[in-house]
Amino acid sequence: MSKIQGFICIVLFFSLSCKKQLSTVVQDSITDETFWKTPNDFKLAANHLYNGLDRFGFEDTESDIAFNFPNSISNGNLQPSETSSDWTNSYSYIRSANNILEKGALNSDAEIKRYLAEARFFRAWYYWKLLRIYGGVPLITRVLDVDDPALFAARSSRTETADLILKDLNEAVTDLPLQSALPASDVGRITKGAALSLMARVALFEGTWQKFRNGTSAGKYLDAAIAASGLVMNSGGYSLYAGNADQSYRYLFLEQGDDSRETILDRRYARDILGHDMPYQYDETGYNPTKKMADMYLDKNGLPIGNPGSLFHGYATFSSEFQDRDPRMTMVMTIPGTLTNRVFFPVTKIANWPDKPQRNFNTGYILYKFMSEDPFANNTGQYGDESKFDYDRHLIRYAEVLLIYAEASFEKNDAITDQELNESVNKIRDRVHMPHLSNAFIAANGLDMRTEIRRERTVELALEGFRYDDLRRWKTAEIELRQDIKGIKIRGAEWASRAPYGDPAYLGRIDAEGFLIAETNRRFDAGKDYLQPLPVREIAFYTASGYKLEQNPNW
């Protein structure tokens, strides 16, 4: 859909008709008897389902690669809550999707079937949002009346939940259009590629979740991830964005990357209609990368910075750690001294020098990814106007599909061929002119293929909201999330000479090697924290009606 049409979710209209016989249908309002007649009716109903697509947020503060304030999910202090918007909103949209599917169940019109397919996609999308944090949940696939016992359906297993998601997506693919077939007015709507890509994401998640917990169905899901991602790759409908030469990775996430061939599903924005304030988060609450994130970037020869042959220049100067690194590092983090046209740091001001009180000093690293260069939006009023930023949030992009293919291929057999790497990881590396990953390179440098595939995923998808899910499905959260959150090196580096890092308040928060500690005493209980607690009010509703809704273990 166009940027304007994409935000029109409810259209009120009046349809009056003259009938000789008495009708009980109220003629001046929209009812089931007057609606659900045309493809446009179903399209209008389906538009509502787009409202729940994720907006810009701070999801990666739930992990170890971003920090602003202590996060209860990340640091092991999460407590059960009365309610949860994740639960309530997801089931609300699931009900809407079920309603569309019921109203069109007997309709054979091809255009209407397209919007039924959109409803199946979104039912899968919102069940996916539940599966990823809660595991198996009650599965509701029809519209329920207030006295229907199915309102108190027991939780299904996580396998049953994953299988329903994949079934819905598989059925949706048949009636969804190709991206290339969309008219301009429909760009942004759900396509075959979006359904297949979500299939691949869910199947990889469940396949690796089971593999690292000795599940019996891991292979089935990994096969599904390989097949679905392969169909997207072979469709010819998508490619990596390359519109800004060597800086294409950076500009993919700004206005230039909107509606590119890398886009599979976006949360769409339009100036003065629905905007966002993502760039202003750097001056206020911050979405700060951590030392963990910074250290993941390879050197320009493809070696980890701890490798004896690495070109890593250390942390002694303001910019030394950024030198001779994977170019994505300097497209995600601001190099000290970078000029910007931000309202607080115009082009006449050197940005990122920590001498302004409004800067966030949690880790000392400042995010560059998502920092718009639109001078109008950046400098409208003292703080700008959040409705002026209108670049889209990429929810599914082609690079993720390539990474899914690589990881699922490796995890299926604990091995991956160079051809499979060339079809996936190395296409992503080519965009930023990084050396290819190969089995020979791994062997020659004493590296581990699984580690490098996971590194590539984390670096490419940095601060796009994937890390929390990845650590949990890999079953490494119990190691990674117990570690301190750290930032820049202060003692033994130039930062010690810059206020406020040389002040006692900061020098008292460094580790034995001189790195800033942003948060310590973090916990992760492997017996419970891999899943979040169900909202206790939902459990109480069940209990009060004589039913039982199982809470997640140890909550």
Protein backbone atom coordinates (compact mmCIF):
# COMPACT_ATOMS: atom_id res chain seq x y z
CA MET A 1 0.00 0.00 0.00
CA SER A 2 1.13 3.58 -0.47
CA LYS A 3 2.47 5.42 2.55
CA ILE A 4 -0.82 7.28 2.80
CA GLN A 5 -3.12 4.33 2.18
CA GLY A 6 -1.17 2.19 4.59
CA PHE A 7 -2.49 4.16 7.53
CA ILE A 8 -6.16 4.17 6.58
CA CYS A 9 -7.45 1.25 8.60
CA ILE A 10 -11.10 2.10 9.12
CA VAL A 11 -13.32 3.66 6.49
CA LEU A 12 -16.86 4.65 7.40
CA PHE A 13 -19.38 4.61 4.64
CA PHE A 14 -23.13 4.53 4.33
CA SER A 15 -24.99 2.26 2.00
CA LEU A 16 -28.71 2.91 1.63
CA SER A 17 -30.88 0.80 -0.59
CA CYS A 18 -34.60 0.73 -1.25
CA LYS A 19 -36.32 -2.58 -0.68
CA LYS A 20 -40.00 -3.36 -1.08
CA GLN A 21 -39.97 -5.96 1.67
CA LEU A 22 -39.35 -5.23 5.34
CA SER A 23 -35.69 -5.59 6.41
CA THR A 24 -34.41 -5.83 9.97
CA VAL A 25 -30.99 -4.59 8.94
CA VAL A 26 -30.19 -1.12 10.25
CA GLN A 27 -29.50 0.86 7.10
CA ASP A 28 -27.41 3.71 8.51
CA SER A 29 -24.61 1.67 10.08
CA ILE A 30 -22.06 -0.96 9.10
CA THR A 31 -23.16 -4.43 10.16
CA ASP A 32 -22.24 -7.97 9.22
CA GLU A 33 -25.28 -8.01 6.95
CA THR A 34 -24.15 -4.96 4.99
CA PHE A 35 -20.40 -5.57 5.13
CA TRP A 36 -18.38 -8.61 3.93
CA LYS A 37 -19.74 -8.33 0.39
CA THR A 38 -16.84 -7.15 -1.76
CA PRO A 39 -13.06 -7.63 -1.92
CA ASN A 40 -12.69 -4.06 -0.69
CA ASP A 41 -14.68 -4.92 2.45
CA PHE A 42 -12.22 -7.70 3.25
CA LYS A 43 -9.30 -5.44 2.43
CA LEU A 44 -10.54 -2.81 4.87
CA ALA A 45 -10.91 -5.46 7.56
CA ALA A 46 -7.42 -6.80 6.87
CA ASN A 47 -5.94 -3.31 7.16
CA HIS A 48 -6.59 -3.38 10.90
CA LEU A 49 -4.21 -6.32 11.31
CA TYR A 50 -1.27 -4.18 10.17
CA ASN A 51 -1.65 -1.89 13.19
CA GLY A 52 0.10 -4.35 15.49
CA LEU A 53 3.30 -4.56 13.48
CA ASP A 54 6.30 -3.65 15.63
CA ARG A 55 7.34 -0.03 15.77
CA PHE A 56 10.85 1.20 16.55
CA GLY A 57 11.89 0.21 20.05
CA PHE A 58 14.71 -0.87 22.33
CA GLU A 59 14.34 -4.65 22.08
CA ASP A 60 18.04 -5.37 22.26
CA THR A 61 18.32 -3.84 25.73
CA GLU A 62 16.73 -7.18 26.72
CA SER A 63 20.05 -8.80 25.82
CA ASP A 64 23.74 -7.96 26.05
CA ILE A 65 24.47 -5.84 22.97
CA ALA A 66 22.57 -2.64 23.88
CA PHE A 67 21.99 -0.73 27.10
CA ASN A 68 20.18 2.34 28.38
CA PHE A 69 18.69 1.48 31.77
CA PRO A 70 18.82 -1.81 33.70
CA ASN A 71 16.35 -4.11 31.97
CA SER A 72 14.50 -6.65 34.10
CA ILE A 73 14.34 -9.19 31.27
CA SER A 74 18.06 -8.90 30.55
CA ASN A 75 19.31 -8.87 34.15
CA GLY A 76 17.11 -11.59 35.64
CA ASN A 77 14.84 -9.35 37.72
CA LEU A 78 11.63 -9.90 35.73
CA GLN A 79 8.56 -10.57 37.89
CA PRO A 80 5.14 -11.90 36.85
CA SER A 81 2.77 -9.07 35.96
CA GLU A 82 -0.99 -8.74 36.20
CA THR A 83 -1.38 -8.10 32.50
CA SER A 84 0.76 -8.10 29.38
CA SER A 85 0.20 -6.15 26.20
CA ASP A 86 2.06 -8.90 24.32
CA TRP A 87 -0.65 -11.35 25.41
CA THR A 88 -3.72 -9.12 25.21
CA ASN A 89 -2.91 -7.39 21.94
CA SER A 90 -1.87 -10.60 20.21
CA TYR A 91 -5.11 -12.37 21.09
CA SER A 92 -7.12 -9.31 20.05
CA TYR A 93 -5.56 -9.38 16.60
CA ILE A 94 -5.94 -13.17 16.44
CA ARG A 95 -9.67 -12.73 17.04
CA SER A 96 -9.84 -10.17 14.23
CA ALA A 97 -8.02 -12.56 11.90
CA ASN A 98 -10.37 -15.40 12.87
CA ASN A 99 -13.35 -13.17 12.12
CA ILE A 100 -12.09 -12.40 8.61
CA LEU A 101 -11.46 -16.08 7.95
CA GLU A 102 -14.94 -17.05 9.11
CA LYS A 103 -16.69 -14.35 7.10
CA GLY A 104 -14.93 -15.41 3.92
CA ALA A 105 -14.84 -19.15 4.49
CA LEU A 106 -17.29 -20.01 1.70
CA ASN A 107 -16.16 -17.35 -0.74
CA SER A 108 -14.32 -18.40 -3.89
CA ASP A 109 -13.53 -14.91 -5.19
CA ALA A 110 -9.76 -14.83 -5.87
CA GLU A 111 -9.38 -11.27 -4.59
CA ILE A 112 -11.22 -12.04 -1.37
CA LYS A 113 -9.08 -15.15 -0.90
CA ARG A 114 -6.04 -12.89 -1.03
CA TYR A 115 -7.24 -11.01 2.05
CA LEU A 116 -8.12 -14.27 3.77
CA ALA A 117 -4.48 -15.22 3.15
CA GLU A 118 -3.41 -11.95 4.77
CA ALA A 119 -5.54 -12.88 7.78
CA ARG A 120 -3.81 -16.29 7.96
CA PHE A 121 -0.44 -14.57 7.79
CA PHE A 122 -1.33 -12.26 10.65
CA ARG A 123 -2.83 -15.02 12.77
CA ALA A 124 0.53 -16.74 12.38
CA TRP A 125 2.40 -13.48 13.10
CA TYR A 126 0.59 -12.89 16.39
CA TYR A 127 0.84 -16.50 17.49
CA TRP A 128 4.56 -16.22 16.72
CA LYS A 129 4.78 -13.22 19.04
CA LEU A 130 3.28 -15.40 21.78
CA LEU A 131 5.35 -18.52 21.04
CA ARG A 132 8.68 -16.73 21.14
CA ILE A 133 8.27 -15.50 24.72
CA TYR A 134 5.79 -17.89 26.33
CA GLY A 135 6.19 -21.18 24.47
CA GLY A 136 2.98 -23.11 23.82
CA VAL A 137 -0.23 -21.10 24.32
CA PRO A 138 -4.00 -21.69 24.02
CA LEU A 139 -4.81 -21.99 20.32
CA ILE A 140 -8.03 -20.24 19.28
CA THR A 141 -8.92 -20.61 15.61
CA ARG A 142 -12.53 -19.38 15.55
CA VAL A 143 -14.49 -16.43 16.89
CA LEU A 144 -15.75 -17.24 20.39
CA ASP A 145 -18.90 -16.07 22.14
CA VAL A 146 -18.68 -14.85 25.70
CA ASP A 147 -20.04 -18.14 27.07
CA ASP A 148 -17.98 -20.46 24.87
CA PRO A 149 -15.96 -22.97 26.96
CA ALA A 150 -13.16 -22.63 24.42
CA LEU A 151 -12.41 -19.27 26.04
CA PHE A 152 -10.67 -21.38 28.66
CA ALA A 153 -8.81 -23.68 26.31
CA ALA A 154 -5.76 -25.33 27.83
CA ARG A 155 -2.29 -24.43 26.63
CA SER A 156 -1.17 -26.32 23.58
CA SER A 157 2.39 -27.63 23.41
CA ARG A 158 5.05 -25.45 21.83
CA THR A 159 5.22 -27.95 18.95
CA GLU A 160 1.48 -27.68 18.35
CA THR A 161 1.76 -23.90 18.46
CA ALA A 162 4.68 -23.82 16.02
CA ASP A 163 2.90 -26.26 13.72
CA LEU A 164 -0.25 -24.10 13.57
CA ILE A 165 1.89 -21.07 12.70
CA LEU A 166 3.65 -22.93 9.91
CA LYS A 167 0.38 -24.42 8.63
CA ASP A 168 -1.26 -20.99 8.43
CA LEU A 169 1.73 -19.55 6.59
CA ASN A 170 1.91 -22.48 4.18
CA GLU A 171 -1.78 -22.07 3.33
CA ALA A 172 -1.42 -18.30 3.01
CA VAL A 173 1.35 -18.58 0.42
CA THR A 174 -1.04 -20.04 -2.17
CA ASP A 175 -3.29 -16.97 -2.39
CA LEU A 176 -0.81 -14.17 -1.68
CA PRO A 177 0.69 -12.16 -4.55
CA LEU A 178 4.32 -11.96 -5.49
CA GLN A 179 6.02 -8.75 -4.46
CA SER A 180 6.71 -7.98 -8.11
CA ALA A 181 2.97 -8.18 -8.88
CA LEU A 182 1.94 -5.50 -6.39
CA PRO A 183 0.60 -2.26 -7.86
CA ALA A 184 2.12 0.89 -6.40
CA SER A 185 -0.95 1.43 -4.22
CA ASP A 186 -0.42 -1.94 -2.53
CA VAL A 187 3.31 -1.81 -1.86
CA GLY A 188 3.76 -2.79 1.77
CA ARG A 189 1.01 -5.40 1.86
CA ILE A 190 1.72 -9.05 2.70
CA THR A 191 3.20 -11.15 -0.10
CA LYS A 192 4.27 -14.71 -0.74
CA GLY A 193 7.81 -13.69 0.18
CA ALA A 194 6.71 -12.36 3.56
CA ALA A 195 4.85 -15.59 4.39
CA LEU A 196 7.77 -17.78 3.31
CA SER A 197 10.26 -15.64 5.20
CA LEU A 198 8.24 -15.79 8.40
CA MET A 199 8.00 -19.56 7.92
CA ALA A 200 11.78 -19.69 7.73
CA ARG A 201 12.18 -17.52 10.85
CA VAL A 202 9.77 -19.56 12.96
CA ALA A 203 11.15 -22.90 11.73
CA LEU A 204 14.74 -21.88 12.50
CA PHE A 205 13.70 -20.68 15.95
CA GLU A 206 11.90 -23.91 16.80
CA GLY A 207 14.47 -26.15 15.13
CA THR A 208 17.39 -24.73 17.08
CA TRP A 209 15.35 -24.45 20.29
CA GLN A 210 14.75 -28.20 20.06
CA LYS A 211 18.23 -29.12 18.88
CA PHE A 212 19.92 -27.56 21.90
CA ARG A 213 17.40 -29.16 24.24
CA ASN A 214 17.60 -32.61 22.65
CA GLY A 215 14.16 -32.31 21.07
CA THR A 216 13.03 -34.99 18.67
CA SER A 217 11.68 -32.70 15.93
CA ALA A 218 14.65 -30.42 15.35
CA GLY A 219 15.40 -31.87 11.94
CA LYS A 220 11.84 -31.37 10.73
CA TYR A 221 11.91 -27.68 11.53
CA LEU A 222 15.42 -27.12 10.19
CA ASP A 223 14.35 -28.73 6.91
CA ALA A 224 11.37 -26.37 6.81
CA ALA A 225 13.65 -23.37 7.43
CA ILE A 226 15.99 -24.43 4.61
CA ALA A 227 13.10 -25.04 2.23
CA ALA A 228 11.25 -21.78 2.95
CA SER A 229 14.36 -19.58 2.83
CA GLY A 230 15.48 -21.37 -0.32
CA LEU A 231 12.20 -20.56 -2.05
CA VAL A 232 12.64 -16.87 -1.24
CA MET A 233 16.24 -16.93 -2.45
CA ASN A 234 15.29 -18.67 -5.69
CA SER A 235 12.27 -16.47 -6.37
CA GLY A 236 14.35 -13.69 -7.93
CA GLY A 237 12.17 -11.14 -6.18
CA TYR A 238 14.67 -9.88 -3.62
CA SER A 239 18.25 -8.68 -3.38
CA LEU A 240 20.47 -6.82 -0.93
CA TYR A 241 20.24 -3.04 -1.06
CA ALA A 242 23.20 -1.53 -2.93
CA GLY A 243 21.95 1.96 -3.74
CA ASN A 244 24.61 3.90 -1.80
CA ALA A 245 27.79 2.11 -2.84
CA ASP A 246 30.08 1.35 0.11
CA GLN A 247 27.63 2.95 2.54
CA SER A 248 24.62 0.92 1.41
CA TYR A 249 24.34 -0.94 4.72
CA ARG A 250 23.98 2.35 6.60
CA TYR A 251 21.48 3.93 4.21
CA LEU A 252 19.34 0.80 4.03
CA PHE A 253 17.99 1.82 7.46
CA LEU A 254 17.26 5.42 6.48
CA GLU A 255 14.95 7.01 3.94
CA GLN A 256 16.96 5.70 1.00
CA GLY A 257 16.28 2.09 1.93
CA ASP A 258 12.49 2.32 2.05
CA ASP A 259 10.78 -0.04 -0.42
CA SER A 260 14.09 -1.40 -1.70
CA ARG A 261 14.39 -4.94 -3.05
CA GLU A 262 15.77 -5.98 0.33
CA THR A 263 12.45 -5.13 1.96
CA ILE A 264 10.16 -8.08 2.63
CA LEU A 265 8.00 -6.62 5.40
CA ASP A 266 8.20 -3.16 6.94
CA ARG A 267 6.42 -1.13 9.56
CA ARG A 268 5.67 1.83 7.36
CA TYR A 269 5.72 5.49 8.33
CA ALA A 270 4.62 8.69 6.63
CA ARG A 271 5.51 12.23 7.60
CA ASP A 272 2.72 14.12 9.40
CA ILE A 273 0.56 10.97 9.47
CA LEU A 274 2.46 8.41 11.50
CA GLY A 275 6.03 9.31 12.34
CA HIS A 276 8.60 8.23 14.89
CA ASP A 277 11.33 9.77 17.01
CA MET A 278 13.98 7.06 16.81
CA PRO A 279 16.92 9.43 16.12
CA TYR A 280 16.14 11.50 19.22
CA GLN A 281 16.64 8.49 21.44
CA TYR A 282 20.39 9.04 21.15
CA ASP A 283 20.14 12.39 22.92
CA GLU A 284 17.66 11.20 25.53
CA THR A 285 17.29 7.63 26.79
CA GLY A 286 19.82 6.18 24.35
CA TYR A 287 20.11 2.88 22.54
CA ASN A 288 23.78 2.45 23.28
CA PRO A 289 25.88 -0.40 21.88
CA THR A 290 27.99 -2.28 24.41
CA LYS A 291 31.55 -3.56 24.48
CA LYS A 292 30.12 -7.01 23.71
CA MET A 293 28.69 -5.66 20.47
CA ALA A 294 31.81 -3.68 19.57
CA ASP A 295 34.12 -6.63 20.13
CA MET A 296 32.11 -8.88 17.82
CA TYR A 297 33.17 -7.03 14.70
CA LEU A 298 35.96 -8.77 12.81
CA ASP A 299 39.03 -7.03 11.50
CA LYS A 300 39.03 -6.17 7.81
CA ASN A 301 40.76 -9.48 7.03
CA GLY A 302 37.94 -11.47 8.58
CA LEU A 303 39.65 -12.37 11.87
CA PRO A 304 38.25 -11.92 15.39
CA ILE A 305 40.04 -9.18 17.31
CA GLY A 306 41.46 -11.72 19.78
CA ASN A 307 43.09 -13.78 17.05
CA PRO A 308 46.92 -13.58 17.08
CA GLY A 309 46.95 -12.48 13.44
CA SER A 310 44.30 -9.78 13.85
CA LEU A 311 44.86 -6.18 12.76
CA PHE A 312 43.11 -4.92 15.89
CA HIS A 313 44.63 -1.62 17.07
CA GLY A 314 43.46 -1.77 20.67
CA TYR A 315 41.50 0.72 22.75
CA ALA A 316 44.15 3.31 23.63
CA THR A 317 42.82 6.22 21.55
CA PHE A 318 39.35 7.59 20.92
CA SER A 319 39.14 5.89 17.54
CA SER A 320 41.72 3.07 17.54
CA GLU A 321 39.25 0.25 18.08
CA PHE A 322 37.33 1.33 14.96
CA GLN A 323 40.34 1.13 12.64
CA ASP A 324 40.68 -1.70 10.12
CA ARG A 325 37.44 -3.34 11.20
CA ASP A 326 34.39 -4.73 9.41
CA PRO A 327 32.90 -1.56 7.82
CA ARG A 328 29.53 -2.29 9.43
CA MET A 329 31.02 -1.32 12.79
CA THR A 330 31.34 2.33 11.77
CA MET A 331 27.88 2.26 10.19
CA VAL A 332 26.36 1.08 13.48
CA MET A 333 28.42 3.07 16.00
CA THR A 334 29.46 6.69 15.87
CA ILE A 335 33.22 7.19 15.58
CA PRO A 336 34.31 9.99 17.94
CA GLY A 337 34.61 13.13 15.84
CA THR A 338 31.89 12.23 13.34
CA LEU A 339 30.11 15.28 11.94
CA THR A 340 26.31 15.16 11.96
CA ASN A 341 23.45 17.53 11.26
CA ARG A 342 21.68 16.63 14.48
CA VAL A 343 19.96 19.53 16.25
CA PHE A 344 22.28 19.28 19.26
CA PHE A 345 25.35 18.57 17.15
CA PRO A 346 25.18 20.53 13.89
CA VAL A 347 27.87 20.21 11.26
CA THR A 348 29.91 22.92 12.96
CA LYS A 349 30.11 20.82 16.11
CA ILE A 350 32.17 17.66 16.61
CA ALA A 351 29.72 15.00 17.68
CA ASN A 352 30.20 12.35 20.33
CA TRP A 353 32.72 14.27 22.43
CA PRO A 354 31.33 13.78 25.94
CA ASP A 355 31.13 17.39 27.07
CA LYS A 356 27.40 17.96 26.83
CA PRO A 357 25.14 16.93 29.72
CA GLN A 358 22.34 15.67 27.50
CA ARG A 359 24.46 12.82 26.12
CA ASN A 360 23.95 9.33 27.53
CA PHE A 361 27.09 7.95 29.16
CA ASN A 362 25.90 4.44 29.95
CA THR A 363 28.49 2.68 27.80
CA GLY A 364 30.35 5.47 26.02
CA TYR A 365 29.30 4.07 22.64
CA ILE A 366 26.72 6.02 20.62
CA LEU A 367 24.48 4.48 17.97
CA TYR A 368 24.89 5.66 14.37
CA LYS A 369 22.56 3.14 12.76
CA PHE A 370 19.10 4.74 12.26
CA MET A 371 20.53 8.28 12.69
CA SER A 372 18.64 10.19 10.01
CA GLU A 373 20.40 12.79 7.89
CA ASP A 374 17.17 14.55 7.02
CA PRO A 375 17.95 18.17 8.01
CA PHE A 376 14.30 19.16 8.14
CA ALA A 377 13.27 16.37 10.50
CA ASN A 378 16.44 16.66 12.57
CA ASN A 379 16.15 20.37 13.21
CA THR A 380 12.44 21.09 13.49
CA GLY A 381 12.08 22.86 16.83
CA GLN A 382 14.37 22.39 19.81
CA TYR A 383 14.00 18.66 19.91
CA GLY A 384 12.49 18.15 16.49
CA ASP A 385 9.02 16.84 15.79
CA GLU A 386 8.59 13.10 16.11
CA SER A 387 6.05 13.12 13.27
CA LYS A 388 8.74 14.26 10.85
CA PHE A 389 10.83 11.07 10.80
CA ASP A 390 9.26 8.72 8.31
CA TYR A 391 11.78 6.09 7.29
CA ASP A 392 10.40 2.60 7.77
CA ARG A 393 11.35 -0.09 10.24
CA HIS A 394 12.47 -3.25 8.47
CA LEU A 395 10.74 -6.21 10.13
CA ILE A 396 11.79 -8.86 7.63
CA ARG A 397 14.56 -8.18 5.15
CA TYR A 398 16.34 -10.33 2.64
CA ALA A 399 19.62 -10.44 4.56
CA GLU A 400 17.83 -12.25 7.40
CA VAL A 401 16.57 -14.87 4.95
CA LEU A 402 20.14 -15.51 3.75
CA LEU A 403 21.31 -15.86 7.35
CA ILE A 404 18.48 -18.27 8.15
CA TYR A 405 19.47 -20.42 5.19
CA ALA A 406 23.10 -20.51 6.31
CA GLU A 407 22.39 -21.29 9.95
CA ALA A 408 19.71 -23.91 9.27
CA SER A 409 21.95 -25.60 6.71
CA PHE A 410 24.80 -25.78 9.20
CA GLU A 411 22.69 -26.91 12.16
CA LYS A 412 21.00 -29.63 10.11
CA ASN A 413 24.29 -31.47 9.60
CA ASP A 414 26.77 -29.63 11.83
CA ALA A 415 28.50 -28.68 8.59
CA ILE A 416 28.01 -26.30 5.69
CA THR A 417 29.49 -26.33 2.19
CA ASP A 418 31.36 -23.44 0.64
CA GLN A 419 28.64 -23.25 -2.02
CA GLU A 420 25.99 -22.75 0.67
CA LEU A 421 28.14 -20.06 2.27
CA ASN A 422 28.56 -18.33 -1.09
CA GLU A 423 24.79 -18.36 -1.59
CA SER A 424 24.16 -16.75 1.78
CA VAL A 425 26.73 -15.32 4.20
CA ASN A 426 29.19 -14.28 1.53
CA LYS A 427 26.59 -12.29 -0.40
CA ILE A 428 26.09 -10.25 2.76
CA ARG A 429 29.84 -9.84 3.22
CA ASP A 430 30.25 -8.76 -0.40
CA ARG A 431 28.11 -5.69 0.25
CA VAL A 432 30.67 -4.39 2.76
CA HIS A 433 33.74 -5.85 1.00
CA MET A 434 34.58 -8.31 3.76
CA PRO A 435 36.53 -11.51 2.98
CA HIS A 436 34.50 -14.61 2.26
CA LEU A 437 33.85 -17.19 4.94
CA SER A 438 34.94 -20.68 3.90
CA ASN A 439 35.76 -24.01 5.45
CA ALA A 440 39.41 -23.54 4.53
CA PHE A 441 39.53 -20.11 6.23
CA ILE A 442 37.97 -21.60 9.38
CA ALA A 443 40.53 -24.41 9.48
CA ALA A 444 43.53 -22.23 8.68
CA ASN A 445 42.77 -19.78 11.49
CA GLY A 446 41.55 -22.16 14.18
CA LEU A 447 38.02 -20.77 14.12
CA ASP A 448 34.65 -22.42 14.73
CA MET A 449 32.04 -22.34 11.95
CA ARG A 450 29.02 -22.18 14.23
CA THR A 451 30.55 -19.23 16.11
CA GLU A 452 31.27 -17.35 12.89
CA ILE A 453 27.79 -17.94 11.42
CA ARG A 454 26.26 -16.68 14.66
CA ARG A 455 28.65 -13.71 14.69
CA GLU A 456 27.63 -12.82 11.14
CA ARG A 457 23.96 -12.91 12.13
CA THR A 458 24.52 -10.74 15.20
CA VAL A 459 26.61 -8.17 13.34
CA GLU A 460 24.36 -7.92 10.28
CA LEU A 461 21.16 -7.70 12.34
CA ALA A 462 22.68 -5.56 15.11
CA LEU A 463 20.15 -3.64 17.20
CA GLU A 464 17.20 -4.82 15.10
CA GLY A 465 15.71 -6.85 17.94
CA PHE A 466 16.98 -10.41 17.31
CA ARG A 467 19.59 -10.98 20.01
CA TYR A 468 17.30 -11.93 22.92
CA ASP A 469 15.58 -14.64 20.86
CA ASP A 470 18.89 -15.89 19.50
CA LEU A 471 20.52 -16.32 22.90
CA ARG A 472 17.51 -18.24 24.16
CA ARG A 473 17.11 -20.57 21.20
CA TRP A 474 20.86 -21.30 21.23
CA LYS A 475 20.56 -21.96 24.98
CA THR A 476 23.50 -19.67 25.68
CA ALA A 477 21.58 -16.99 27.59
CA GLU A 478 22.53 -18.64 30.87
CA ILE A 479 26.15 -17.79 30.01
CA GLU A 480 25.89 -14.52 28.11
CA LEU A 481 23.25 -12.74 30.17
CA ARG A 482 25.01 -13.34 33.47
CA GLN A 483 27.99 -11.28 32.32
CA ASP A 484 28.49 -7.62 33.21
CA ILE A 485 27.44 -5.03 30.66
CA LYS A 486 30.56 -3.08 29.76
CA GLY A 487 31.45 -0.03 27.74
CA ILE A 488 34.54 1.85 26.56
CA LYS A 489 38.02 1.48 28.00
CA ILE A 490 38.75 4.39 30.35
CA ARG A 491 41.85 3.64 32.38
CA GLY A 492 44.80 3.31 30.04
CA ALA A 493 42.98 5.10 27.22
CA GLU A 494 42.40 8.68 26.05
CA TRP A 495 38.88 8.61 27.47
CA ALA A 496 40.33 9.04 30.97
CA SER A 497 41.27 12.61 29.98
CA ARG A 498 37.73 13.50 28.92
CA ALA A 499 35.02 14.64 31.30
CA PRO A 500 33.14 12.98 32.79
CA TYR A 501 34.99 9.69 32.28
CA GLY A 502 37.99 10.82 34.30
CA ASP A 503 35.78 11.73 37.26
CA PRO A 504 35.81 9.49 40.36
CA ALA A 505 32.20 8.47 39.68
CA TYR A 506 33.33 6.75 36.49
CA LEU A 507 36.76 5.59 37.60
CA GLY A 508 35.00 3.77 40.43
CA ARG A 509 33.00 1.76 37.88
CA ILE A 510 35.74 0.11 35.86
CA ASP A 511 36.92 -3.48 35.79
CA ALA A 512 40.45 -4.76 36.31
CA GLU A 513 41.32 -4.02 32.67
CA GLY A 514 39.98 -0.46 32.78
CA PHE A 515 36.64 -0.96 30.98
CA LEU A 516 33.55 0.88 32.12
CA ILE A 517 30.99 -1.36 33.86
CA ALA A 518 27.48 -0.18 32.98
CA GLU A 519 25.68 -2.93 34.91
CA THR A 520 26.85 -5.74 37.18
CA ASN A 521 25.31 -8.51 39.33
CA ARG A 522 23.19 -9.75 36.44
CA ARG A 523 21.39 -13.07 36.75
CA PHE A 524 19.77 -15.61 34.49
CA ASP A 525 17.98 -18.62 35.96
CA ALA A 526 18.23 -21.43 33.42
CA GLY A 527 15.30 -23.14 35.13
CA LYS A 528 12.81 -20.38 34.38
CA ASP A 529 14.15 -17.38 32.46
CA TYR A 530 14.17 -18.98 29.01
CA LEU A 531 10.40 -18.36 29.00
CA GLN A 532 8.58 -15.38 30.44
CA PRO A 533 5.68 -15.72 32.92
CA LEU A 534 2.11 -15.69 31.69
CA PRO A 535 0.13 -12.70 32.99
CA VAL A 536 -1.33 -13.70 36.34
CA ARG A 537 -4.72 -12.14 35.64
CA GLU A 538 -5.22 -14.60 32.77
CA ILE A 539 -4.46 -17.48 35.12
CA ALA A 540 -6.92 -16.04 37.67
CA PHE A 541 -9.66 -15.81 35.02
CA TYR A 542 -9.26 -19.51 34.32
CA THR A 543 -9.23 -20.42 38.01
CA ALA A 544 -12.34 -18.38 38.79
CA SER A 545 -14.23 -20.25 36.07
CA GLY A 546 -13.11 -23.68 37.18
CA TYR A 547 -10.36 -24.15 34.61
CA LYS A 548 -6.58 -24.17 34.76
CA LEU A 549 -4.06 -22.23 32.74
CA GLU A 550 -0.58 -23.60 33.38
CA GLN A 551 2.06 -21.04 34.36
CA ASN A 552 5.53 -21.46 32.88
CA PRO A 553 7.94 -23.56 34.99
CA ASN A 554 9.26 -22.06 38.23
CA TRP A 555 7.30 -18.84 37.93
